PDB file of all heavy atoms in Angstrom:
ATOM      1  N   LEU A   1       6.937  -5.178  18.471  1.00  0.00           N
ATOM      2  CA  LEU A   1       7.203  -4.309  19.610  1.00  0.00           C
ATOM      3  C   LEU A   1       6.526  -4.808  20.879  1.00  0.00           C
ATOM      4  O   LEU A   1       7.032  -4.599  21.984  1.00  0.00           O
ATOM      5  CB  LEU A   1       6.793  -2.872  19.303  1.00  0.00           C
ATOM      6  CG  LEU A   1       7.677  -2.170  18.273  1.00  0.00           C
ATOM      7  CD1 LEU A   1       7.123  -0.790  17.935  1.00  0.00           C
ATOM      8  CD2 LEU A   1       9.115  -2.067  18.772  1.00  0.00           C
ATOM      9  N   ALA A   2       5.406  -5.500  20.741  1.00  0.00           N
ATOM     10  CA  ALA A   2       4.769  -6.116  21.914  1.00  0.00           C
ATOM     11  C   ALA A   2       5.670  -7.205  22.483  1.00  0.00           C
ATOM     12  O   ALA A   2       5.829  -7.329  23.706  1.00  0.00           O
ATOM     13  CB  ALA A   2       3.400  -6.683  21.548  1.00  0.00           C
ATOM     14  N   ILE A   3       6.290  -7.983  21.612  1.00  0.00           N
ATOM     15  CA  ILE A   3       7.220  -9.027  22.050  1.00  0.00           C
ATOM     16  C   ILE A   3       8.457  -8.397  22.677  1.00  0.00           C
ATOM     17  O   ILE A   3       8.931  -8.843  23.722  1.00  0.00           O
ATOM     18  CB  ILE A   3       7.591  -9.950  20.876  1.00  0.00           C
ATOM     19  CG1 ILE A   3       6.375 -10.779  20.454  1.00  0.00           C
ATOM     20  CG2 ILE A   3       8.771 -10.849  21.234  1.00  0.00           C
ATOM     21  CD1 ILE A   3       6.541 -11.531  19.158  1.00  0.00           C
ATOM     22  N   VAL A   4       8.977  -7.352  22.053  1.00  0.00           N
ATOM     23  CA  VAL A   4      10.143  -6.653  22.593  1.00  0.00           C
ATOM     24  C   VAL A   4       9.844  -6.156  24.007  1.00  0.00           C
ATOM     25  O   VAL A   4      10.652  -6.338  24.933  1.00  0.00           O
ATOM     26  CB  VAL A   4      10.557  -5.482  21.674  1.00  0.00           C
ATOM     27  CG1 VAL A   4      11.488  -4.520  22.379  1.00  0.00           C
ATOM     28  CG2 VAL A   4      11.205  -6.017  20.412  1.00  0.00           C
ATOM     29  N   LYS A   5       8.709  -5.534  24.196  1.00  0.00           N
ATOM     30  CA  LYS A   5       8.327  -5.020  25.521  1.00  0.00           C
ATOM     31  C   LYS A   5       8.294  -6.149  26.537  1.00  0.00           C
ATOM     32  O   LYS A   5       8.813  -6.025  27.650  1.00  0.00           O
ATOM     33  CB  LYS A   5       6.971  -4.324  25.451  1.00  0.00           C
ATOM     34  CG  LYS A   5       6.536  -3.722  26.780  1.00  0.00           C
ATOM     35  CD  LYS A   5       5.216  -2.963  26.620  1.00  0.00           C
ATOM     36  CE  LYS A   5       4.921  -2.132  27.838  1.00  0.00           C
ATOM     37  NZ  LYS A   5       4.026  -2.738  28.775  1.00  0.00           N
ATOM     38  N   ARG A   6       7.703  -7.257  26.170  1.00  0.00           N
ATOM     39  CA  ARG A   6       7.607  -8.407  27.080  1.00  0.00           C
ATOM     40  C   ARG A   6       9.006  -8.950  27.408  1.00  0.00           C
ATOM     41  O   ARG A   6       9.287  -9.275  28.562  1.00  0.00           O
ATOM     42  CB  ARG A   6       6.731  -9.492  26.448  1.00  0.00           C
ATOM     43  CG  ARG A   6       6.571 -10.710  27.292  1.00  0.00           C
ATOM     44  CD  ARG A   6       5.697 -10.436  28.499  1.00  0.00           C
ATOM     45  NE  ARG A   6       5.615 -11.650  29.300  1.00  0.00           N
ATOM     46  CZ  ARG A   6       5.841 -11.710  30.598  1.00  0.00           C
ATOM     47  NH1 ARG A   6       6.128 -10.632  31.268  1.00  0.00           N
ATOM     48  NH2 ARG A   6       5.757 -12.844  31.245  1.00  0.00           N
ATOM     49  N   LEU A   7       9.877  -9.065  26.414  1.00  0.00           N
ATOM     50  CA  LEU A   7      11.231  -9.571  26.642  1.00  0.00           C
ATOM     51  C   LEU A   7      12.031  -8.652  27.563  1.00  0.00           C
ATOM     52  O   LEU A   7      12.816  -9.117  28.390  1.00  0.00           O
ATOM     53  CB  LEU A   7      11.975  -9.759  25.322  1.00  0.00           C
ATOM     54  CG  LEU A   7      11.468 -10.882  24.421  1.00  0.00           C
ATOM     55  CD1 LEU A   7      12.210 -10.870  23.087  1.00  0.00           C
ATOM     56  CD2 LEU A   7      11.589 -12.231  25.103  1.00  0.00           C
ATOM     57  N   VAL A   8      11.845  -7.354  27.422  1.00  0.00           N
ATOM     58  CA  VAL A   8      12.536  -6.398  28.293  1.00  0.00           C
ATOM     59  C   VAL A   8      11.996  -6.520  29.720  1.00  0.00           C
ATOM     60  O   VAL A   8      12.760  -6.629  30.684  1.00  0.00           O
ATOM     61  CB  VAL A   8      12.376  -4.951  27.772  1.00  0.00           C
ATOM     62  CG1 VAL A   8      12.835  -3.934  28.802  1.00  0.00           C
ATOM     63  CG2 VAL A   8      13.137  -4.765  26.467  1.00  0.00           C
ATOM     64  N   GLU A   9      10.676  -6.531  29.859  1.00  0.00           N
ATOM     65  CA  GLU A   9      10.069  -6.547  31.184  1.00  0.00           C
ATOM     66  C   GLU A   9      10.331  -7.842  31.942  1.00  0.00           C
ATOM     67  O   GLU A   9      10.534  -7.817  33.157  1.00  0.00           O
ATOM     68  CB  GLU A   9       8.574  -6.270  31.078  1.00  0.00           C
ATOM     69  CG  GLU A   9       8.287  -4.826  30.692  1.00  0.00           C
ATOM     70  CD  GLU A   9       6.818  -4.530  30.480  1.00  0.00           C
ATOM     71  OE1 GLU A   9       6.007  -5.485  30.382  1.00  0.00           O
ATOM     72  OE2 GLU A   9       6.477  -3.334  30.410  1.00  0.00           O
ATOM     73  N   VAL A  10      10.341  -8.977  31.254  1.00  0.00           N
ATOM     74  CA  VAL A  10      10.574 -10.255  31.921  1.00  0.00           C
ATOM     75  C   VAL A  10      11.994 -10.332  32.495  1.00  0.00           C
ATOM     76  O   VAL A  10      12.265 -11.113  33.409  1.00  0.00           O
ATOM     77  CB  VAL A  10      10.270 -11.442  30.981  1.00  0.00           C
ATOM     78  CG1 VAL A  10      11.371 -11.679  29.981  1.00  0.00           C
ATOM     79  CG2 VAL A  10      10.004 -12.711  31.774  1.00  0.00           C
ATOM     80  N   GLN A  11      12.893  -9.479  32.005  1.00  0.00           N
ATOM     81  CA  GLN A  11      14.266  -9.431  32.501  1.00  0.00           C
ATOM     82  C   GLN A  11      14.477  -8.288  33.497  1.00  0.00           C
ATOM     83  O   GLN A  11      15.614  -7.961  33.840  1.00  0.00           O
ATOM     84  CB  GLN A  11      15.241  -9.305  31.330  1.00  0.00           C
ATOM     85  CG  GLN A  11      15.180 -10.517  30.409  1.00  0.00           C
ATOM     86  CD  GLN A  11      16.149 -10.389  29.273  1.00  0.00           C
ATOM     87  OE1 GLN A  11      17.261 -10.885  29.368  1.00  0.00           O
ATOM     88  NE2 GLN A  11      15.742  -9.700  28.215  1.00  0.00           N
ATOM     89  N   GLY A  12      13.394  -7.666  33.938  1.00  0.00           N
ATOM     90  CA  GLY A  12      13.491  -6.627  34.950  1.00  0.00           C
ATOM     91  C   GLY A  12      13.750  -5.238  34.422  1.00  0.00           C
ATOM     92  O   GLY A  12      14.148  -4.350  35.179  1.00  0.00           O
ATOM     93  N   GLY A  13      13.525  -5.024  33.127  1.00  0.00           N
ATOM     94  CA  GLY A  13      13.776  -3.719  32.527  1.00  0.00           C
ATOM     95  C   GLY A  13      12.513  -3.003  32.119  1.00  0.00           C
ATOM     96  O   GLY A  13      11.397  -3.477  32.346  1.00  0.00           O
ATOM     97  N   GLN A  14      12.694  -1.847  31.512  1.00  0.00           N
ATOM     98  CA  GLN A  14      11.598  -1.038  30.985  1.00  0.00           C
ATOM     99  C   GLN A  14      11.979  -0.554  29.599  1.00  0.00           C
ATOM    100  O   GLN A  14      13.160  -0.467  29.264  1.00  0.00           O
ATOM    101  CB  GLN A  14      11.326   0.162  31.879  1.00  0.00           C
ATOM    102  CG  GLN A  14      10.863  -0.195  33.264  1.00  0.00           C
ATOM    103  CD  GLN A  14      10.607   1.052  34.106  1.00  0.00           C
ATOM    104  OE1 GLN A  14      11.043   2.161  33.789  1.00  0.00           O
ATOM    105  NE2 GLN A  14       9.885   0.876  35.204  1.00  0.00           N
ATOM    106  N   ILE A  15      10.958  -0.233  28.800  1.00  0.00           N
ATOM    107  CA  ILE A  15      11.195   0.266  27.447  1.00  0.00           C
ATOM    108  C   ILE A  15      10.363   1.520  27.217  1.00  0.00           C
ATOM    109  O   ILE A  15       9.274   1.661  27.794  1.00  0.00           O
ATOM    110  CB  ILE A  15      10.885  -0.812  26.383  1.00  0.00           C
ATOM    111  CG1 ILE A  15      11.344  -0.346  25.000  1.00  0.00           C
ATOM    112  CG2 ILE A  15       9.417  -1.203  26.407  1.00  0.00           C
ATOM    113  CD1 ILE A  15      11.424  -1.447  23.972  1.00  0.00           C
ATOM    114  N   GLY A  16      10.893   2.414  26.398  1.00  0.00           N
ATOM    115  CA  GLY A  16      10.178   3.634  26.065  1.00  0.00           C
ATOM    116  C   GLY A  16      10.523   4.078  24.658  1.00  0.00           C
ATOM    117  O   GLY A  16      11.439   3.552  24.023  1.00  0.00           O
ATOM    118  N   VAL A  17       9.775   5.064  24.178  1.00  0.00           N
ATOM    119  CA  VAL A  17       9.980   5.568  22.824  1.00  0.00           C
ATOM    120  C   VAL A  17       9.786   7.079  22.800  1.00  0.00           C
ATOM    121  O   VAL A  17       8.937   7.611  23.514  1.00  0.00           O
ATOM    122  CB  VAL A  17       9.025   4.871  21.819  1.00  0.00           C
ATOM    123  CG1 VAL A  17       7.570   5.127  22.166  1.00  0.00           C
ATOM    124  CG2 VAL A  17       9.320   5.290  20.384  1.00  0.00           C
ATOM    125  N   GLU A  18      10.601   7.751  22.006  1.00  0.00           N
ATOM    126  CA  GLU A  18      10.450   9.172  21.711  1.00  0.00           C
ATOM    127  C   GLU A  18      10.525   9.320  20.206  1.00  0.00           C
ATOM    128  O   GLU A  18      11.348   8.671  19.556  1.00  0.00           O
ATOM    129  CB  GLU A  18      11.567   9.990  22.352  1.00  0.00           C
ATOM    130  CG  GLU A  18      11.577   9.963  23.857  1.00  0.00           C
ATOM    131  CD  GLU A  18      12.741  10.750  24.438  1.00  0.00           C
ATOM    132  OE1 GLU A  18      13.401  11.497  23.697  1.00  0.00           O
ATOM    133  OE2 GLU A  18      12.980  10.597  25.641  1.00  0.00           O
ATOM    134  N   SER A  19       9.663  10.156  19.647  1.00  0.00           N
ATOM    135  CA  SER A  19       9.653  10.286  18.196  1.00  0.00           C
ATOM    136  C   SER A  19       9.090  11.626  17.767  1.00  0.00           C
ATOM    137  O   SER A  19       8.259  12.216  18.460  1.00  0.00           O
ATOM    138  CB  SER A  19       8.814   9.156  17.586  1.00  0.00           C
ATOM    139  OG  SER A  19       8.944   9.161  16.192  1.00  0.00           O
ATOM    140  N   ARG A  20       9.552  12.054  16.604  1.00  0.00           N
ATOM    141  CA  ARG A  20       9.014  13.244  15.947  1.00  0.00           C
ATOM    142  C   ARG A  20       8.834  12.925  14.472  1.00  0.00           C
ATOM    143  O   ARG A  20       9.770  12.437  13.820  1.00  0.00           O
ATOM    144  CB  ARG A  20       9.956  14.425  16.096  1.00  0.00           C
ATOM    145  CG  ARG A  20       9.999  14.950  17.499  1.00  0.00           C
ATOM    146  CD  ARG A  20      10.597  16.321  17.504  1.00  0.00           C
ATOM    147  NE  ARG A  20      10.349  16.899  18.814  1.00  0.00           N
ATOM    148  CZ  ARG A  20      11.058  17.848  19.330  1.00  0.00           C
ATOM    149  NH1 ARG A  20      12.065  18.343  18.655  1.00  0.00           N
ATOM    150  NH2 ARG A  20      10.771  18.332  20.503  1.00  0.00           N
ATOM    151  N   LEU A  21       7.650  13.199  13.965  1.00  0.00           N
ATOM    152  CA  LEU A  21       7.379  12.935  12.553  1.00  0.00           C
ATOM    153  C   LEU A  21       8.391  13.661  11.675  1.00  0.00           C
ATOM    154  O   LEU A  21       8.687  14.830  11.890  1.00  0.00           O
ATOM    155  CB  LEU A  21       5.960  13.386  12.181  1.00  0.00           C
ATOM    156  CG  LEU A  21       4.850  12.424  12.557  1.00  0.00           C
ATOM    157  CD1 LEU A  21       3.488  13.036  12.230  1.00  0.00           C
ATOM    158  CD2 LEU A  21       5.007  11.091  11.852  1.00  0.00           C
ATOM    159  N   GLY A  22       8.926  12.938  10.717  1.00  0.00           N
ATOM    160  CA  GLY A  22       9.879  13.496   9.778  1.00  0.00           C
ATOM    161  C   GLY A  22      11.286  13.657  10.314  1.00  0.00           C
ATOM    162  O   GLY A  22      12.186  14.059   9.582  1.00  0.00           O
ATOM    163  N   GLU A  23      11.506  13.355  11.587  1.00  0.00           N
ATOM    164  CA  GLU A  23      12.834  13.536  12.183  1.00  0.00           C
ATOM    165  C   GLU A  23      13.447  12.249  12.694  1.00  0.00           C
ATOM    166  O   GLU A  23      14.658  12.137  12.777  1.00  0.00           O
ATOM    167  CB  GLU A  23      12.758  14.552  13.319  1.00  0.00           C
ATOM    168  CG  GLU A  23      12.400  15.951  12.854  1.00  0.00           C
ATOM    169  CD  GLU A  23      12.376  16.944  13.995  1.00  0.00           C
ATOM    170  OE1 GLU A  23      13.033  16.701  15.024  1.00  0.00           O
ATOM    171  OE2 GLU A  23      11.681  17.957  13.859  1.00  0.00           O
ATOM    172  N   GLY A  24      12.615  11.292  13.076  1.00  0.00           N
ATOM    173  CA  GLY A  24      13.156  10.029  13.543  1.00  0.00           C
ATOM    174  C   GLY A  24      12.595   9.578  14.871  1.00  0.00           C
ATOM    175  O   GLY A  24      11.741  10.232  15.467  1.00  0.00           O
ATOM    176  N   THR A  25      13.119   8.442  15.329  1.00  0.00           N
ATOM    177  CA  THR A  25      12.606   7.781  16.522  1.00  0.00           C
ATOM    178  C   THR A  25      13.764   7.223  17.337  1.00  0.00           C
ATOM    179  O   THR A  25      14.758   6.760  16.787  1.00  0.00           O
ATOM    180  CB  THR A  25      11.663   6.629  16.116  1.00  0.00           C
ATOM    181  OG1 THR A  25      10.601   7.165  15.329  1.00  0.00           O
ATOM    182  CG2 THR A  25      11.095   5.906  17.323  1.00  0.00           C
ATOM    183  N   THR A  26      13.588   7.236  18.659  1.00  0.00           N
ATOM    184  CA  THR A  26      14.528   6.581  19.569  1.00  0.00           C
ATOM    185  C   THR A  26      13.755   5.623  20.463  1.00  0.00           C
ATOM    186  O   THR A  26      12.822   6.028  21.158  1.00  0.00           O
ATOM    187  CB  THR A  26      15.274   7.596  20.455  1.00  0.00           C
ATOM    188  OG1 THR A  26      16.057   8.453  19.623  1.00  0.00           O
ATOM    189  CG2 THR A  26      16.188   6.880  21.447  1.00  0.00           C
ATOM    190  N   PHE A  27      14.128   4.349  20.404  1.00  0.00           N
ATOM    191  CA  PHE A  27      13.639   3.352  21.340  1.00  0.00           C
ATOM    192  C   PHE A  27      14.740   3.140  22.350  1.00  0.00           C
ATOM    193  O   PHE A  27      15.893   2.896  21.978  1.00  0.00           O
ATOM    194  CB  PHE A  27      13.315   2.038  20.642  1.00  0.00           C
ATOM    195  CG  PHE A  27      12.003   2.059  19.906  1.00  0.00           C
ATOM    196  CD1 PHE A  27      11.954   2.397  18.572  1.00  0.00           C
ATOM    197  CD2 PHE A  27      10.831   1.745  20.557  1.00  0.00           C
ATOM    198  CE1 PHE A  27      10.752   2.427  17.884  1.00  0.00           C
ATOM    199  CE2 PHE A  27       9.615   1.774  19.883  1.00  0.00           C
ATOM    200  CZ  PHE A  27       9.575   2.112  18.550  1.00  0.00           C
ATOM    201  N   SER A  28      14.409   3.226  23.638  1.00  0.00           N
ATOM    202  CA  SER A  28      15.379   2.994  24.706  1.00  0.00           C
ATOM    203  C   SER A  28      14.820   1.945  25.653  1.00  0.00           C
ATOM    204  O   SER A  28      13.628   1.930  25.943  1.00  0.00           O
ATOM    205  CB  SER A  28      15.645   4.274  25.490  1.00  0.00           C
ATOM    206  OG  SER A  28      16.213   5.257  24.670  1.00  0.00           O
ATOM    207  N   PHE A  29      15.718   1.069  26.114  1.00  0.00           N
ATOM    208  CA  PHE A  29      15.290   0.088  27.113  1.00  0.00           C
ATOM    209  C   PHE A  29      16.398  -0.113  28.128  1.00  0.00           C
ATOM    210  O   PHE A  29      17.573   0.131  27.848  1.00  0.00           O
ATOM    211  CB  PHE A  29      14.880  -1.239  26.456  1.00  0.00           C
ATOM    212  CG  PHE A  29      15.967  -1.999  25.753  1.00  0.00           C
ATOM    213  CD1 PHE A  29      16.652  -3.014  26.412  1.00  0.00           C
ATOM    214  CD2 PHE A  29      16.305  -1.708  24.443  1.00  0.00           C
ATOM    215  CE1 PHE A  29      17.655  -3.724  25.766  1.00  0.00           C
ATOM    216  CE2 PHE A  29      17.303  -2.412  23.792  1.00  0.00           C
ATOM    217  CZ  PHE A  29      17.979  -3.429  24.455  1.00  0.00           C
ATOM    218  N   THR A  30      16.001  -0.527  29.321  1.00  0.00           N
ATOM    219  CA  THR A  30      16.946  -0.752  30.400  1.00  0.00           C
ATOM    220  C   THR A  30      16.993  -2.238  30.741  1.00  0.00           C
ATOM    221  O   THR A  30      16.007  -2.947  30.591  1.00  0.00           O
ATOM    222  CB  THR A  30      16.554   0.026  31.672  1.00  0.00           C
ATOM    223  OG1 THR A  30      15.273  -0.435  32.133  1.00  0.00           O
ATOM    224  CG2 THR A  30      16.508   1.520  31.417  1.00  0.00           C
ATOM    225  N   LEU A  31      18.164  -2.665  31.206  1.00  0.00           N
ATOM    226  CA  LEU A  31      18.344  -4.004  31.759  1.00  0.00           C
ATOM    227  C   LEU A  31      19.253  -3.857  32.970  1.00  0.00           C
ATOM    228  O   LEU A  31      20.163  -3.024  32.970  1.00  0.00           O
ATOM    229  CB  LEU A  31      18.952  -4.946  30.722  1.00  0.00           C
ATOM    230  CG  LEU A  31      18.051  -5.286  29.541  1.00  0.00           C
ATOM    231  CD1 LEU A  31      18.829  -6.095  28.501  1.00  0.00           C
ATOM    232  CD2 LEU A  31      16.813  -6.058  29.990  1.00  0.00           C
ATOM    233  N   PRO A  32      18.997  -4.644  34.008  1.00  0.00           N
ATOM    234  CA  PRO A  32      19.783  -4.495  35.236  1.00  0.00           C
ATOM    235  C   PRO A  32      21.238  -4.901  35.066  1.00  0.00           C
ATOM    236  O   PRO A  32      21.558  -5.833  34.323  1.00  0.00           O
ATOM    237  CB  PRO A  32      19.074  -5.406  36.243  1.00  0.00           C
ATOM    238  CG  PRO A  32      18.215  -6.308  35.441  1.00  0.00           C
ATOM    239  CD  PRO A  32      17.955  -5.652  34.123  1.00  0.00           C
ATOM    240  N   LEU A  33      22.103  -4.190  35.775  1.00  0.00           N
ATOM    241  CA  LEU A  33      23.513  -4.551  35.837  1.00  0.00           C
ATOM    242  C   LEU A  33      23.702  -5.702  36.818  1.00  0.00           C
ATOM    243  O   LEU A  33      22.920  -5.866  37.743  1.00  0.00           O
ATOM    244  CB  LEU A  33      24.360  -3.357  36.281  1.00  0.00           C
ATOM    245  CG  LEU A  33      24.404  -2.163  35.329  1.00  0.00           C
ATOM    246  CD1 LEU A  33      25.092  -0.990  36.019  1.00  0.00           C
ATOM    247  CD2 LEU A  33      25.111  -2.526  34.047  1.00  0.00           C
TER     248      LEU A  33
END
């Protein structure tokens, strides 16, 4: 995930995470159009 964050940021994007124990996780990242 540290590498993923770096790869997203070096391309001008951002990454985030939302999660709830026992329910699941969503990783979202942006990249410019």
